[in-house]
Amino acid sequence: MERYKEIERSIITSYKKKIWNKFIQGINEYDMIRDGDKIAVCISGGKDSMLLAKCMQELKKHGKIDFNLEFISMDPGYNEINRQKVIENSKLLNIPLTLFKTEIFNAVERIEYHPCYVCARMRRGYLYEKAKELGCNKIALGHHFDDVIETILMGMLYGAQMQTMMPKVLSTSHPGMELIRPLYYVKESSIIAWKEKNNLEFIQCACKVTEKYKMSDDENGSKREEVKKLIEKLRQVYDRVDMNIFRSAQNVNLDTVISYRSQRDGTSHSFLDDYDELLEEYKEK
């Protein structure tokens, strides 16, 4: 059996419970893929996006949904070693890759404040444009369960807000385009285990800017790492703490929230808005 077939097989055998079933759960629960979709699977070259590509291929082959795939990878300015690693891994895993180049790293390196945020926005824009050029209506990113719960805690601890990473999002800058995250329920530990079992080596972040901010303990790169370590410590105390963090974003009781803001229309709402009305009702009882 060819190696890529062995790697594919491991997803639906050895890791059926922890990867495949979780992958299918996320897609079904959040209605991520529909008949007629053409989805651009975005590959950064890391473990998450490569696993996503293989899962999407398996779903295309064995699933009941009629959809098509493109596999795109944006080179934001990788060195030659990292670029070649992405190409070699795509061949090894039998992923037909469309690789295109940008100069994002060079542009972001000159930005003084929040370069990681700017970089993410620029990357997303290029991926949407390429996907649209290929006739796709959706892009799929490799964010996993740990990314979701880290985002929840980062928003609370460093952003003073309650938010989460959504399983799917309508693009506001590219009408008709949608972003989906099929690995939404897959834990990073399962992805690492799959990678190691199959003796796979993928590129890391490969961004000079992120490495600089990690050294100075600033910006989202290091803050996410801090939160990741915090969650790991909490898991040692209570092994289901990660799921409780996730469910806290599902079980929001607006009657016990001081205020909230609607992203759709930008309006803010406070518990005081109808407090006097409720008080009068209370008195009449």
C-alpha atoms as a PDB file:
ATOM      1  CA  MET A   1       0.000   0.000   0.000  1.00  0.00           C
ATOM      2  CA  GLU A   2       1.292   3.452  -0.929  1.00  0.00           C
ATOM      3  CA  ARG A   3       2.258   5.575   2.064  1.00  0.00           C
ATOM      4  CA  TYR A   4      -0.346   8.271   1.506  1.00  0.00           C
ATOM      5  CA  LYS A   5      -3.054   5.590   1.525  1.00  0.00           C
ATOM      6  CA  GLU A   6      -1.776   4.289   4.862  1.00  0.00           C
ATOM      7  CA  ILE A   7      -1.913   7.822   6.249  1.00  0.00           C
ATOM      8  CA  GLU A   8      -5.447   8.270   4.905  1.00  0.00           C
ATOM      9  CA  ARG A   9      -6.492   4.938   6.394  1.00  0.00           C
ATOM     10  CA  SER A  10      -5.175   5.894   9.840  1.00  0.00           C
ATOM     11  CA  ILE A  11      -7.661   8.797   9.970  1.00  0.00           C
ATOM     12  CA  ILE A  12     -10.693   6.508   9.675  1.00  0.00           C
ATOM     13  CA  THR A  13      -9.239   3.588  11.674  1.00  0.00           C
ATOM     14  CA  SER A  14      -6.748   4.442  14.433  1.00  0.00           C
ATOM     15  CA  TYR A  15      -8.130   7.981  14.793  1.00  0.00           C
ATOM     16  CA  LYS A  16     -11.734   7.392  13.856  1.00  0.00           C
ATOM     17  CA  LYS A  17     -13.053   8.388  17.290  1.00  0.00           C
ATOM     18  CA  LYS A  18     -10.758  11.328  18.023  1.00  0.00           C
ATOM     19  CA  ILE A  19     -10.389  12.817  14.538  1.00  0.00           C
ATOM     20  CA  TRP A  20     -12.801  11.467  11.918  1.00  0.00           C
ATOM     21  CA  ASN A  21     -15.928  11.365  14.085  1.00  0.00           C
ATOM     22  CA  LYS A  22     -15.171  14.822  15.510  1.00  0.00           C
ATOM     23  CA  PHE A  23     -14.592  16.165  11.991  1.00  0.00           C
ATOM     24  CA  ILE A  24     -17.946  14.795  10.820  1.00  0.00           C
ATOM     25  CA  GLN A  25     -19.668  16.061  13.977  1.00  0.00           C
ATOM     26  CA  GLY A  26     -18.551  19.632  13.338  1.00  0.00           C
ATOM     27  CA  ILE A  27     -19.581  19.565   9.678  1.00  0.00           C
ATOM     28  CA  ASN A  28     -23.016  18.097  10.428  1.00  0.00           C
ATOM     29  CA  GLU A  29     -23.783  20.135  13.544  1.00  0.00           C
ATOM     30  CA  TYR A  30     -22.994  23.457  11.917  1.00  0.00           C
ATOM     31  CA  ASP A  31     -24.135  22.584   8.377  1.00  0.00           C
ATOM     32  CA  MET A  32     -20.746  23.539   6.922  1.00  0.00           C
ATOM     33  CA  ILE A  33     -20.929  21.747   3.559  1.00  0.00           C
ATOM     34  CA  ARG A  34     -23.838  21.529   1.151  1.00  0.00           C
ATOM     35  CA  ASP A  35     -24.473  19.978  -2.259  1.00  0.00           C
ATOM     36  CA  GLY A  36     -22.981  22.131  -5.004  1.00  0.00           C
ATOM     37  CA  ASP A  37     -20.297  23.735  -2.849  1.00  0.00           C
ATOM     38  CA  LYS A  38     -16.824  24.268  -4.249  1.00  0.00           C
ATOM     39  CA  ILE A  39     -14.452  24.619  -1.322  1.00  0.00           C
ATOM     40  CA  ALA A  40     -10.895  25.929  -1.288  1.00  0.00           C
ATOM     41  CA  VAL A  41      -8.983  24.081   1.436  1.00  0.00           C
ATOM     42  CA  CYS A  42      -6.334  26.526   2.621  1.00  0.00           C
ATOM     43  CA  ILE A  43      -2.995  24.888   3.392  1.00  0.00           C
ATOM     44  CA  SER A  44      -0.372  26.742   5.399  1.00  0.00           C
ATOM     45  CA  GLY A  45       1.956  23.763   5.499  1.00  0.00           C
ATOM     46  CA  GLY A  46       1.402  23.019   9.192  1.00  0.00           C
ATOM     47  CA  LYS A  47      -0.063  19.871  10.720  1.00  0.00           C
ATOM     48  CA  ASP A  48      -3.595  21.246  11.110  1.00  0.00           C
ATOM     49  CA  SER A  49      -4.172  22.314   7.517  1.00  0.00           C
ATOM     50  CA  MET A  50      -2.563  19.168   6.118  1.00  0.00           C
ATOM     51  CA  LEU A  51      -4.845  16.970   8.234  1.00  0.00           C
ATOM     52  CA  LEU A  52      -7.801  19.084   7.155  1.00  0.00           C
ATOM     53  CA  ALA A  53      -6.893  18.481   3.510  1.00  0.00           C
ATOM     54  CA  LYS A  54      -6.808  14.702   4.032  1.00  0.00           C
ATOM     55  CA  CYS A  55     -10.114  14.727   5.935  1.00  0.00           C
ATOM     56  CA  MET A  56     -11.768  16.734   3.170  1.00  0.00           C
ATOM     57  CA  GLN A  57     -10.453  14.310   0.551  1.00  0.00           C
ATOM     58  CA  GLU A  58     -11.861  11.379   2.527  1.00  0.00           C
ATOM     59  CA  LEU A  59     -15.235  13.098   2.850  1.00  0.00           C
ATOM     60  CA  LYS A  60     -15.268  13.778  -0.881  1.00  0.00           C
ATOM     61  CA  LYS A  61     -14.552  10.108  -1.625  1.00  0.00           C
ATOM     62  CA  HIS A  62     -16.830   8.465   0.910  1.00  0.00           C
ATOM     63  CA  GLY A  63     -19.379  11.074   1.990  1.00  0.00           C
ATOM     64  CA  LYS A  64     -22.917  11.632   0.753  1.00  0.00           C
ATOM     65  CA  ILE A  65     -22.535  15.333  -0.035  1.00  0.00           C
ATOM     66  CA  ASP A  66     -21.910  16.335  -3.661  1.00  0.00           C
ATOM     67  CA  PHE A  67     -19.192  19.002  -3.525  1.00  0.00           C
ATOM     68  CA  ASN A  68     -15.829  19.840  -5.110  1.00  0.00           C
ATOM     69  CA  LEU A  69     -12.435  20.800  -3.727  1.00  0.00           C
ATOM     70  CA  GLU A  70      -9.457  22.978  -4.536  1.00  0.00           C
ATOM     71  CA  PHE A  71      -6.302  22.935  -2.408  1.00  0.00           C
ATOM     72  CA  ILE A  72      -4.587  26.300  -2.219  1.00  0.00           C
ATOM     73  CA  SER A  73      -1.470  27.420  -0.390  1.00  0.00           C
ATOM     74  CA  MET A  74      -0.322  30.991  -0.110  1.00  0.00           C
ATOM     75  CA  ASP A  75       3.416  31.559   0.256  1.00  0.00           C
ATOM     76  CA  PRO A  76       3.571  34.799   2.295  1.00  0.00           C
ATOM     77  CA  GLY A  77       7.354  34.931   2.007  1.00  0.00           C
ATOM     78  CA  TYR A  78       8.647  31.591   3.267  1.00  0.00           C
ATOM     79  CA  ASN A  79      12.320  30.796   2.963  1.00  0.00           C
ATOM     80  CA  GLU A  80      13.167  28.165   0.349  1.00  0.00           C
ATOM     81  CA  ILE A  81      13.415  25.366   2.923  1.00  0.00           C
ATOM     82  CA  ASN A  82       9.879  25.918   4.212  1.00  0.00           C
ATOM     83  CA  ARG A  83       8.478  26.419   0.724  1.00  0.00           C
ATOM     84  CA  GLN A  84       9.968  23.118  -0.425  1.00  0.00           C
ATOM     85  CA  LYS A  85       8.667  21.366   2.678  1.00  0.00           C
ATOM     86  CA  VAL A  86       5.120  22.423   1.833  1.00  0.00           C
ATOM     87  CA  ILE A  87       5.531  21.147  -1.737  1.00  0.00           C
ATOM     88  CA  GLU A  88       7.126  17.855  -0.659  1.00  0.00           C
ATOM     89  CA  ASN A  89       4.470  17.127   1.970  1.00  0.00           C
ATOM     90  CA  SER A  90       1.701  17.843  -0.523  1.00  0.00           C
ATOM     91  CA  LYS A  91       3.203  15.291  -2.907  1.00  0.00           C
ATOM     92  CA  LEU A  92       3.731  12.785  -0.094  1.00  0.00           C
ATOM     93  CA  LEU A  93       0.097  13.118   1.009  1.00  0.00           C
ATOM     94  CA  ASN A  94      -1.274  13.139  -2.550  1.00  0.00           C
ATOM     95  CA  ILE A  95      -2.719  16.631  -2.267  1.00  0.00           C
ATOM     96  CA  PRO A  96      -2.962  18.471  -5.641  1.00  0.00           C
ATOM     97  CA  LEU A  97      -1.717  21.853  -4.474  1.00  0.00           C
ATOM     98  CA  THR A  98      -2.093  25.263  -6.087  1.00  0.00           C
ATOM     99  CA  LEU A  99       0.716  27.380  -4.628  1.00  0.00           C
ATOM    100  CA  PHE A 100       0.838  31.134  -5.120  1.00  0.00           C
ATOM    101  CA  LYS A 101       3.229  33.775  -3.824  1.00  0.00           C
ATOM    102  CA  THR A 102       2.694  37.055  -1.990  1.00  0.00           C
ATOM    103  CA  GLU A 103       4.943  39.495  -0.134  1.00  0.00           C
ATOM    104  CA  ILE A 104       2.973  39.632   3.111  1.00  0.00           C
ATOM    105  CA  PHE A 105       5.919  38.936   5.435  1.00  0.00           C
ATOM    106  CA  ASN A 106       7.907  41.824   3.922  1.00  0.00           C
ATOM    107  CA  ALA A 107       4.926  44.176   4.226  1.00  0.00           C
ATOM    108  CA  VAL A 108       4.058  43.179   7.798  1.00  0.00           C
ATOM    109  CA  GLU A 109       7.641  43.412   9.010  1.00  0.00           C
ATOM    110  CA  ARG A 110       7.427  47.212   8.629  1.00  0.00           C
ATOM    111  CA  ILE A 111       4.256  47.495  10.747  1.00  0.00           C
ATOM    112  CA  GLU A 112       4.910  48.585  14.326  1.00  0.00           C
ATOM    113  CA  TYR A 113       1.561  47.923  16.021  1.00  0.00           C
ATOM    114  CA  HIS A 114      -0.408  44.655  15.863  1.00  0.00           C
ATOM    115  CA  PRO A 115       1.433  43.095  12.898  1.00  0.00           C
ATOM    116  CA  CYS A 116      -0.093  39.651  13.594  1.00  0.00           C
ATOM    117  CA  TYR A 117      -3.612  41.036  13.252  1.00  0.00           C
ATOM    118  CA  VAL A 118      -2.730  42.820  10.004  1.00  0.00           C
ATOM    119  CA  CYS A 119      -0.996  39.709   8.670  1.00  0.00           C
ATOM    120  CA  ALA A 120      -4.042  37.532   9.408  1.00  0.00           C
ATOM    121  CA  ARG A 121      -6.346  39.986   7.626  1.00  0.00           C
ATOM    122  CA  MET A 122      -4.043  40.174   4.609  1.00  0.00           C
ATOM    123  CA  ARG A 123      -3.701  36.393   4.407  1.00  0.00           C
ATOM    124  CA  ARG A 124      -7.456  35.965   4.582  1.00  0.00           C
ATOM    125  CA  GLY A 125      -7.954  38.494   1.802  1.00  0.00           C
ATOM    126  CA  TYR A 126      -5.488  36.773  -0.529  1.00  0.00           C
ATOM    127  CA  LEU A 127      -7.039  33.360   0.180  1.00  0.00           C
ATOM    128  CA  TYR A 128     -10.547  34.640  -0.556  1.00  0.00           C
ATOM    129  CA  GLU A 129      -9.366  36.218  -3.809  1.00  0.00           C
ATOM    130  CA  LYS A 130      -7.609  33.055  -4.985  1.00  0.00           C
ATOM    131  CA  ALA A 131     -10.574  30.894  -4.013  1.00  0.00           C
ATOM    132  CA  LYS A 132     -12.936  33.178  -5.903  1.00  0.00           C
ATOM    133  CA  GLU A 133     -10.635  33.077  -8.920  1.00  0.00           C
ATOM    134  CA  LEU A 134     -10.908  29.262  -8.856  1.00  0.00           C
ATOM    135  CA  GLY A 135     -14.696  29.416  -8.730  1.00  0.00           C
ATOM    136  CA  CYS A 136     -15.071  28.508  -5.054  1.00  0.00           C
ATOM    137  CA  ASN A 137     -17.821  29.759  -2.761  1.00  0.00           C
ATOM    138  CA  LYS A 138     -16.138  28.707   0.503  1.00  0.00           C
ATOM    139  CA  ILE A 139     -12.697  28.517   2.075  1.00  0.00           C
ATOM    140  CA  ALA A 140     -11.852  25.944   4.750  1.00  0.00           C
ATOM    141  CA  LEU A 141      -9.296  26.724   7.449  1.00  0.00           C
ATOM    142  CA  GLY A 142      -7.548  24.301   9.802  1.00  0.00           C
ATOM    143  CA  HIS A 143      -8.475  25.865  13.143  1.00  0.00           C
ATOM    144  CA  HIS A 144      -9.149  23.191  15.763  1.00  0.00           C
ATOM    145  CA  PHE A 145     -10.884  22.886  19.152  1.00  0.00           C
ATOM    146  CA  ASP A 146      -7.908  24.255  21.113  1.00  0.00           C
ATOM    147  CA  ASP A 147      -7.810  27.354  18.883  1.00  0.00           C
ATOM    148  CA  VAL A 148     -11.456  27.950  19.755  1.00  0.00           C
ATOM    149  CA  ILE A 149     -11.126  27.749  23.535  1.00  0.00           C
ATOM    150  CA  GLU A 150      -7.876  29.735  23.487  1.00  0.00           C
ATOM    151  CA  THR A 151      -9.685  32.490  21.579  1.00  0.00           C
ATOM    152  CA  ILE A 152     -12.460  32.556  24.197  1.00  0.00           C
ATOM    153  CA  LEU A 153      -9.979  32.968  27.058  1.00  0.00           C
ATOM    154  CA  MET A 154      -7.786  35.441  25.174  1.00  0.00           C
ATOM    155  CA  GLY A 155     -10.794  37.667  24.556  1.00  0.00           C
ATOM    156  CA  MET A 156     -11.660  37.640  28.257  1.00  0.00           C
ATOM    157  CA  LEU A 157      -8.155  37.977  29.712  1.00  0.00           C
ATOM    158  CA  TYR A 158      -6.534  40.359  27.210  1.00  0.00           C
ATOM    159  CA  GLY A 159      -9.398  41.877  25.212  1.00  0.00           C
ATOM    160  CA  ALA A 160     -11.966  42.478  27.972  1.00  0.00           C
ATOM    161  CA  GLN A 161     -14.674  40.907  25.830  1.00  0.00           C
ATOM    162  CA  MET A 162     -16.633  37.688  25.472  1.00  0.00           C
ATOM    163  CA  GLN A 163     -16.214  36.229  22.010  1.00  0.00           C
ATOM    164  CA  THR A 164     -15.370  32.996  20.281  1.00  0.00           C
ATOM    165  CA  MET A 165     -14.008  31.642  17.005  1.00  0.00           C
ATOM    166  CA  MET A 166     -17.110  30.778  14.983  1.00  0.00           C
ATOM    167  CA  PRO A 167     -17.476  27.453  13.114  1.00  0.00           C
ATOM    168  CA  LYS A 168     -18.510  29.298   9.971  1.00  0.00           C
ATOM    169  CA  VAL A 169     -18.555  32.956   8.963  1.00  0.00           C
ATOM    170  CA  LEU A 170     -19.993  34.938   6.053  1.00  0.00           C
ATOM    171  CA  SER A 171     -17.362  37.175   4.474  1.00  0.00           C
ATOM    172  CA  THR A 172     -18.183  40.868   4.710  1.00  0.00           C
ATOM    173  CA  SER A 173     -15.428  41.916   2.305  1.00  0.00           C
ATOM    174  CA  HIS A 174     -16.003  39.202  -0.322  1.00  0.00           C
ATOM    175  CA  PRO A 175     -19.763  38.889  -0.986  1.00  0.00           C
ATOM    176  CA  GLY A 176     -20.915  35.347  -1.670  1.00  0.00           C
ATOM    177  CA  MET A 177     -17.923  33.807   0.096  1.00  0.00           C
ATOM    178  CA  GLU A 178     -18.018  31.839   3.337  1.00  0.00           C
ATOM    179  CA  LEU A 179     -15.358  30.580   5.747  1.00  0.00           C
ATOM    180  CA  ILE A 180     -15.727  27.186   7.444  1.00  0.00           C
ATOM    181  CA  ARG A 181     -13.670  25.420  10.148  1.00  0.00           C
ATOM    182  CA  PRO A 182     -14.281  21.645   9.784  1.00  0.00           C
ATOM    183  CA  LEU A 183     -11.787  20.677  12.535  1.00  0.00           C
ATOM    184  CA  TYR A 184     -13.837  22.673  15.054  1.00  0.00           C
ATOM    185  CA  TYR A 185     -14.227  19.727  17.452  1.00  0.00           C
ATOM    186  CA  VAL A 186     -10.848  18.056  16.862  1.00  0.00           C
ATOM    187  CA  LYS A 187      -8.364  18.515  19.715  1.00  0.00           C
ATOM    188  CA  GLU A 188      -4.784  19.507  18.960  1.00  0.00           C
ATOM    189  CA  SER A 189      -3.445  16.559  20.965  1.00  0.00           C
ATOM    190  CA  SER A 190      -5.191  14.194  18.528  1.00  0.00           C
ATOM    191  CA  ILE A 191      -3.639  15.979  15.542  1.00  0.00           C
ATOM    192  CA  ILE A 192      -0.178  15.730  17.106  1.00  0.00           C
ATOM    193  CA  ALA A 193      -0.726  12.022  17.819  1.00  0.00           C
ATOM    194  CA  TRP A 194      -1.777  11.425  14.175  1.00  0.00           C
ATOM    195  CA  LYS A 195       1.272  13.304  12.912  1.00  0.00           C
ATOM    196  CA  GLU A 196       3.678  11.373  15.128  1.00  0.00           C
ATOM    197  CA  LYS A 197       2.130   7.967  14.419  1.00  0.00           C
ATOM    198  CA  ASN A 198       2.670   8.547  10.696  1.00  0.00           C
ATOM    199  CA  ASN A 199       6.181  10.050  11.161  1.00  0.00           C
ATOM    200  CA  LEU A 200       5.190  13.288   9.448  1.00  0.00           C
ATOM    201  CA  GLU A 201       7.111  16.560   9.711  1.00  0.00           C
ATOM    202  CA  PHE A 202       5.455  19.860   8.905  1.00  0.00           C
ATOM    203  CA  ILE A 203       6.590  23.481   8.978  1.00  0.00           C
ATOM    204  CA  GLN A 204       5.929  25.614  12.052  1.00  0.00           C
ATOM    205  CA  CYS A 205       4.778  29.243  11.935  1.00  0.00           C
ATOM    206  CA  ALA A 206       7.862  30.266   9.889  1.00  0.00           C
ATOM    207  CA  CYS A 207       7.169  33.957  10.517  1.00  0.00           C
ATOM    208  CA  LYS A 208      10.063  36.210  11.548  1.00  0.00           C
ATOM    209  CA  VAL A 209       7.680  38.790  12.992  1.00  0.00           C
ATOM    210  CA  THR A 210       5.953  36.301  15.287  1.00  0.00           C
ATOM    211  CA  GLU A 211       9.276  34.975  16.509  1.00  0.00           C
ATOM    212  CA  LYS A 212      10.396  38.526  17.309  1.00  0.00           C
ATOM    213  CA  TYR A 213       7.289  39.189  19.393  1.00  0.00           C
ATOM    214  CA  LYS A 214       7.586  35.850  21.171  1.00  0.00           C
ATOM    215  CA  MET A 215      11.056  36.868  22.250  1.00  0.00           C
ATOM    216  CA  SER A 216       9.679  40.139  23.648  1.00  0.00           C
ATOM    217  CA  ASP A 217       6.625  38.422  25.188  1.00  0.00           C
ATOM    218  CA  ASP A 218       4.209  40.633  23.296  1.00  0.00           C
ATOM    219  CA  GLU A 219       1.453  40.469  20.666  1.00  0.00           C
ATOM    220  CA  ASN A 220      -0.949  37.615  19.927  1.00  0.00           C
ATOM    221  CA  GLY A 221       1.705  34.999  19.228  1.00  0.00           C
ATOM    222  CA  SER A 222       3.026  34.898  22.785  1.00  0.00           C
ATOM    223  CA  LYS A 223      -0.330  35.690  24.403  1.00  0.00           C
ATOM    224  CA  ARG A 224      -1.866  32.655  22.720  1.00  0.00           C
ATOM    225  CA  GLU A 225       1.050  30.574  23.953  1.00  0.00           C
ATOM    226  CA  GLU A 226       0.451  31.846  27.493  1.00  0.00           C
ATOM    227  CA  VAL A 227      -3.216  30.889  27.303  1.00  0.00           C
ATOM    228  CA  LYS A 228      -2.350  27.486  25.843  1.00  0.00           C
ATOM    229  CA  LYS A 229      -0.110  26.766  28.839  1.00  0.00           C
ATOM    230  CA  LEU A 230      -2.764  28.043  31.242  1.00  0.00           C
ATOM    231  CA  ILE A 231      -5.374  25.673  29.792  1.00  0.00           C
ATOM    232  CA  GLU A 232      -2.928  22.787  30.043  1.00  0.00           C
ATOM    233  CA  LYS A 233      -2.435  23.528  33.750  1.00  0.00           C
ATOM    234  CA  LEU A 234      -6.188  23.725  34.285  1.00  0.00           C
ATOM    235  CA  ARG A 235      -6.635  20.358  32.552  1.00  0.00           C
ATOM    236  CA  GLN A 236      -4.361  18.814  35.171  1.00  0.00           C
ATOM    237  CA  VAL A 237      -6.780  19.977  37.871  1.00  0.00           C
ATOM    238  CA  TYR A 238      -9.970  19.108  35.973  1.00  0.00           C
ATOM    239  CA  ASP A 239      -9.731  17.159  32.718  1.00  0.00           C
ATOM    240  CA  ARG A 240     -12.994  18.530  31.290  1.00  0.00           C
ATOM    241  CA  VAL A 241     -12.183  22.182  31.841  1.00  0.00           C
ATOM    242  CA  ASP A 242     -11.578  22.693  28.109  1.00  0.00           C
ATOM    243  CA  MET A 243     -15.086  21.525  27.244  1.00  0.00           C
ATOM    244  CA  ASN A 244     -16.541  23.759  29.948  1.00  0.00           C
ATOM    245  CA  ILE A 245     -14.725  26.750  28.451  1.00  0.00           C
ATOM    246  CA  PHE A 246     -16.198  25.871  25.064  1.00  0.00           C
ATOM    247  CA  ARG A 247     -19.724  25.370  26.403  1.00  0.00           C
ATOM    248  CA  SER A 248     -19.595  28.691  28.224  1.00  0.00           C
ATOM    249  CA  ALA A 249     -19.868  30.287  24.770  1.00  0.00           C
ATOM    250  CA  GLN A 250     -22.907  28.118  23.970  1.00  0.00           C
ATOM    251  CA  ASN A 251     -24.764  28.642  27.237  1.00  0.00           C
ATOM    252  CA  VAL A 252     -24.802  32.439  27.443  1.00  0.00           C
ATOM    253  CA  ASN A 253     -27.689  33.726  29.567  1.00  0.00           C
ATOM    254  CA  LEU A 254     -28.345  37.280  28.372  1.00  0.00           C
ATOM    255  CA  ASP A 255     -30.430  37.977  31.473  1.00  0.00           C
ATOM    256  CA  THR A 256     -27.251  37.734  33.556  1.00  0.00           C
ATOM    257  CA  VAL A 257     -24.989  39.721  31.210  1.00  0.00           C
ATOM    258  CA  ILE A 258     -24.300  43.354  32.114  1.00  0.00           C
ATOM    259  CA  SER A 259     -24.202  44.437  28.464  1.00  0.00           C
ATOM    260  CA  TYR A 260     -23.663  43.066  24.983  1.00  0.00           C
ATOM    261  CA  ARG A 261     -23.066  44.465  21.516  1.00  0.00           C
ATOM    262  CA  SER A 262     -24.640  43.278  18.293  1.00  0.00           C
ATOM    263  CA  GLN A 263     -22.020  42.833  15.595  1.00  0.00           C
ATOM    264  CA  ARG A 264     -24.693  42.849  12.906  1.00  0.00           C
ATOM    265  CA  ASP A 265     -25.940  46.393  13.509  1.00  0.00           C
ATOM    266  CA  GLY A 266     -23.403  47.718  16.020  1.00  0.00           C
ATOM    267  CA  THR A 267     -26.001  48.467  18.693  1.00  0.00           C
ATOM    268  CA  SER A 268     -25.216  48.046  22.400  1.00  0.00           C
ATOM    269  CA  HIS A 269     -27.661  46.649  24.930  1.00  0.00           C
ATOM    270  CA  SER A 270     -27.559  46.965  28.730  1.00  0.00           C
ATOM    271  CA  PHE A 271     -29.470  45.155  31.453  1.00  0.00           C
ATOM    272  CA  LEU A 272     -30.571  48.645  32.525  1.00  0.00           C
ATOM    273  CA  ASP A 273     -32.487  49.163  29.254  1.00  0.00           C
ATOM    274  CA  ASP A 274     -35.593  47.419  30.569  1.00  0.00           C
ATOM    275  CA  TYR A 275     -34.732  47.242  34.260  1.00  0.00           C
ATOM    276  CA  ASP A 276     -37.303  49.854  35.351  1.00  0.00           C
ATOM    277  CA  GLU A 277     -40.017  48.114  33.340  1.00  0.00           C
ATOM    278  CA  LEU A 278     -39.184  44.816  35.016  1.00  0.00           C
ATOM    279  CA  LEU A 279     -39.158  46.547  38.384  1.00  0.00           C
ATOM    280  CA  GLU A 280     -42.702  47.827  37.847  1.00  0.00           C
ATOM    281  CA  GLU A 281     -43.862  44.361  36.824  1.00  0.00           C
ATOM    282  CA  TYR A 282     -42.229  42.967  39.954  1.00  0.00           C
ATOM    283  CA  LYS A 283     -44.071  45.473  42.165  1.00  0.00           C
ATOM    284  CA  GLU A 284     -47.436  44.578  40.647  1.00  0.00           C
ATOM    285  CA  LYS A 285     -47.062  40.910  41.531  1.00  0.00           C
END
